Amino acid sequence: MTDEQRVSDEDGLVARLDVIEEQPLTARADAYAQLHEQLRRTLEGDDEHGRG
């Protein structure tokens, strides 16, 4: 991963967190859970078409 990709990914994450924080409190938990699952899969090397 290049520095440019890393900055772009970080900007995307920050933007996504901003969107989550603007949601009503009851919706935030689901949004954070989805984000957590996506990050977990990414860190473990899985993707939507990989291991389940």
N, C-alpha and C. Protein backbone atom coordinates (compact mmCIF):
# COMPACT_ATOMS: atom_id res chain seq x y z
N MET A 1 0.85 -1.17 0.00
CA MET A 1 0.00 0.00 0.00
C MET A 1 0.89 1.23 0.00
N THR A 2 0.59 2.14 -0.88
CA THR A 2 1.37 3.38 -0.95
C THR A 2 0.86 4.38 0.08
N ASP A 3 1.66 5.41 0.32
CA ASP A 3 1.24 6.46 1.26
C ASP A 3 -0.03 7.14 0.78
N GLU A 4 -0.17 7.33 -0.54
CA GLU A 4 -1.36 7.97 -1.09
C GLU A 4 -2.60 7.11 -0.84
N GLN A 5 -2.48 5.80 -1.00
CA GLN A 5 -3.61 4.90 -0.75
C GLN A 5 -3.98 4.93 0.73
N ARG A 6 -2.97 4.95 1.59
CA ARG A 6 -3.22 4.95 3.03
C ARG A 6 -3.96 6.22 3.44
N VAL A 7 -3.54 7.36 2.92
CA VAL A 7 -4.21 8.63 3.23
C VAL A 7 -5.64 8.61 2.72
N SER A 8 -5.84 8.10 1.51
CA SER A 8 -7.18 8.00 0.94
C SER A 8 -8.07 7.10 1.79
N ASP A 9 -7.54 5.95 2.22
CA ASP A 9 -8.30 5.03 3.07
C ASP A 9 -8.65 5.68 4.40
N GLU A 10 -7.69 6.41 4.98
CA GLU A 10 -7.94 7.09 6.25
C GLU A 10 -9.00 8.16 6.08
N ASP A 11 -8.94 8.92 4.99
CA ASP A 11 -9.95 9.94 4.73
C ASP A 11 -11.33 9.30 4.58
N GLY A 12 -11.38 8.16 3.92
CA GLY A 12 -12.65 7.46 3.74
C GLY A 12 -13.21 6.97 5.07
N LEU A 13 -12.33 6.48 5.94
CA LEU A 13 -12.77 6.02 7.24
C LEU A 13 -13.28 7.18 8.09
N VAL A 14 -12.54 8.28 8.08
CA VAL A 14 -12.96 9.45 8.85
C VAL A 14 -14.31 9.96 8.35
N ALA A 15 -14.49 10.00 7.04
CA ALA A 15 -15.76 10.45 6.48
C ALA A 15 -16.89 9.50 6.89
N ARG A 16 -16.61 8.21 6.88
CA ARG A 16 -17.64 7.24 7.27
C ARG A 16 -17.99 7.38 8.75
N LEU A 17 -16.98 7.61 9.60
CA LEU A 17 -17.24 7.83 11.01
C LEU A 17 -18.06 9.10 11.24
N ASP A 18 -17.78 10.13 10.46
CA ASP A 18 -18.56 11.37 10.56
C ASP A 18 -20.02 11.11 10.24
N VAL A 19 -20.27 10.32 9.20
CA VAL A 19 -21.65 10.00 8.82
C VAL A 19 -22.34 9.21 9.94
N ILE A 20 -21.62 8.25 10.52
CA ILE A 20 -22.19 7.46 11.61
C ILE A 20 -22.54 8.36 12.79
N GLU A 21 -21.64 9.26 13.14
CA GLU A 21 -21.87 10.13 14.29
C GLU A 21 -23.05 11.07 14.10
N GLU A 22 -23.43 11.34 12.86
CA GLU A 22 -24.57 12.22 12.58
C GLU A 22 -25.91 11.48 12.69
N GLN A 23 -25.86 10.16 12.76
CA GLN A 23 -27.08 9.36 12.83
C GLN A 23 -27.67 9.40 14.24
N PRO A 24 -28.96 9.13 14.35
CA PRO A 24 -29.56 9.01 15.69
C PRO A 24 -28.86 7.91 16.49
N LEU A 25 -28.84 8.08 17.77
CA LEU A 25 -28.12 7.14 18.64
C LEU A 25 -28.51 5.69 18.40
N THR A 26 -29.78 5.43 18.19
CA THR A 26 -30.22 4.04 18.01
C THR A 26 -29.66 3.41 16.73
N ALA A 27 -29.37 4.21 15.73
CA ALA A 27 -28.83 3.69 14.47
C ALA A 27 -27.32 3.53 14.50
N ARG A 28 -26.66 4.22 15.40
CA ARG A 28 -25.18 4.17 15.46
C ARG A 28 -24.65 2.79 15.77
N ALA A 29 -25.30 2.09 16.69
CA ALA A 29 -24.80 0.77 17.07
C ALA A 29 -24.73 -0.16 15.88
N ASP A 30 -25.78 -0.19 15.08
CA ASP A 30 -25.78 -1.04 13.88
C ASP A 30 -24.70 -0.59 12.89
N ALA A 31 -24.55 0.70 12.71
CA ALA A 31 -23.56 1.21 11.77
C ALA A 31 -22.14 0.87 12.24
N TYR A 32 -21.89 1.02 13.55
CA TYR A 32 -20.57 0.66 14.08
C TYR A 32 -20.33 -0.84 13.99
N ALA A 33 -21.36 -1.65 14.19
CA ALA A 33 -21.21 -3.10 14.08
C ALA A 33 -20.86 -3.49 12.65
N GLN A 34 -21.50 -2.87 11.67
CA GLN A 34 -21.18 -3.14 10.27
C GLN A 34 -19.75 -2.73 9.94
N LEU A 35 -19.35 -1.57 10.42
CA LEU A 35 -17.99 -1.10 10.19
C LEU A 35 -16.98 -2.04 10.85
N HIS A 36 -17.27 -2.46 12.06
CA HIS A 36 -16.40 -3.39 12.77
C HIS A 36 -16.21 -4.68 11.98
N GLU A 37 -17.31 -5.23 11.48
CA GLU A 37 -17.24 -6.47 10.72
C GLU A 37 -16.42 -6.29 9.44
N GLN A 38 -16.62 -5.17 8.75
CA GLN A 38 -15.86 -4.91 7.53
C GLN A 38 -14.36 -4.78 7.84
N LEU A 39 -14.03 -4.06 8.89
CA LEU A 39 -12.62 -3.91 9.26
C LEU A 39 -12.01 -5.24 9.68
N ARG A 40 -12.78 -6.05 10.42
CA ARG A 40 -12.30 -7.36 10.83
C ARG A 40 -11.96 -8.23 9.62
N ARG A 41 -12.89 -8.25 8.65
CA ARG A 41 -12.64 -9.04 7.44
C ARG A 41 -11.42 -8.54 6.69
N THR A 42 -11.27 -7.24 6.61
CA THR A 42 -10.13 -6.66 5.91
C THR A 42 -8.83 -7.04 6.61
N LEU A 43 -8.80 -6.91 7.92
CA LEU A 43 -7.58 -7.23 8.67
C LEU A 43 -7.25 -8.71 8.62
N GLU A 44 -8.26 -9.55 8.56
CA GLU A 44 -8.02 -10.99 8.50
C GLU A 44 -7.78 -11.48 7.07
N GLY A 45 -7.85 -10.58 6.10
CA GLY A 45 -7.57 -10.96 4.72
C GLY A 45 -8.77 -11.50 3.99
N ASP A 46 -9.95 -11.45 4.61
CA ASP A 46 -11.17 -11.90 3.96
C ASP A 46 -11.75 -10.75 3.14
N ASP A 47 -12.60 -11.11 2.21
CA ASP A 47 -13.40 -10.11 1.52
C ASP A 47 -14.80 -10.68 1.38
N GLU A 48 -15.67 -9.98 0.72
CA GLU A 48 -17.06 -10.45 0.60
C GLU A 48 -17.17 -11.77 -0.14
N HIS A 49 -16.18 -12.11 -0.92
CA HIS A 49 -16.23 -13.34 -1.71
C HIS A 49 -15.29 -14.40 -1.15
N GLY A 50 -14.63 -14.10 -0.06
CA GLY A 50 -13.66 -15.02 0.54
C GLY A 50 -14.31 -15.93 1.55
N ARG A 51 -13.48 -16.34 2.50
CA ARG A 51 -13.96 -17.23 3.55
C ARG A 51 -15.08 -16.55 4.31
N GLY A 52 -15.98 -17.31 4.86
CA GLY A 52 -17.10 -16.74 5.59
C GLY A 52 -17.08 -17.09 6.98
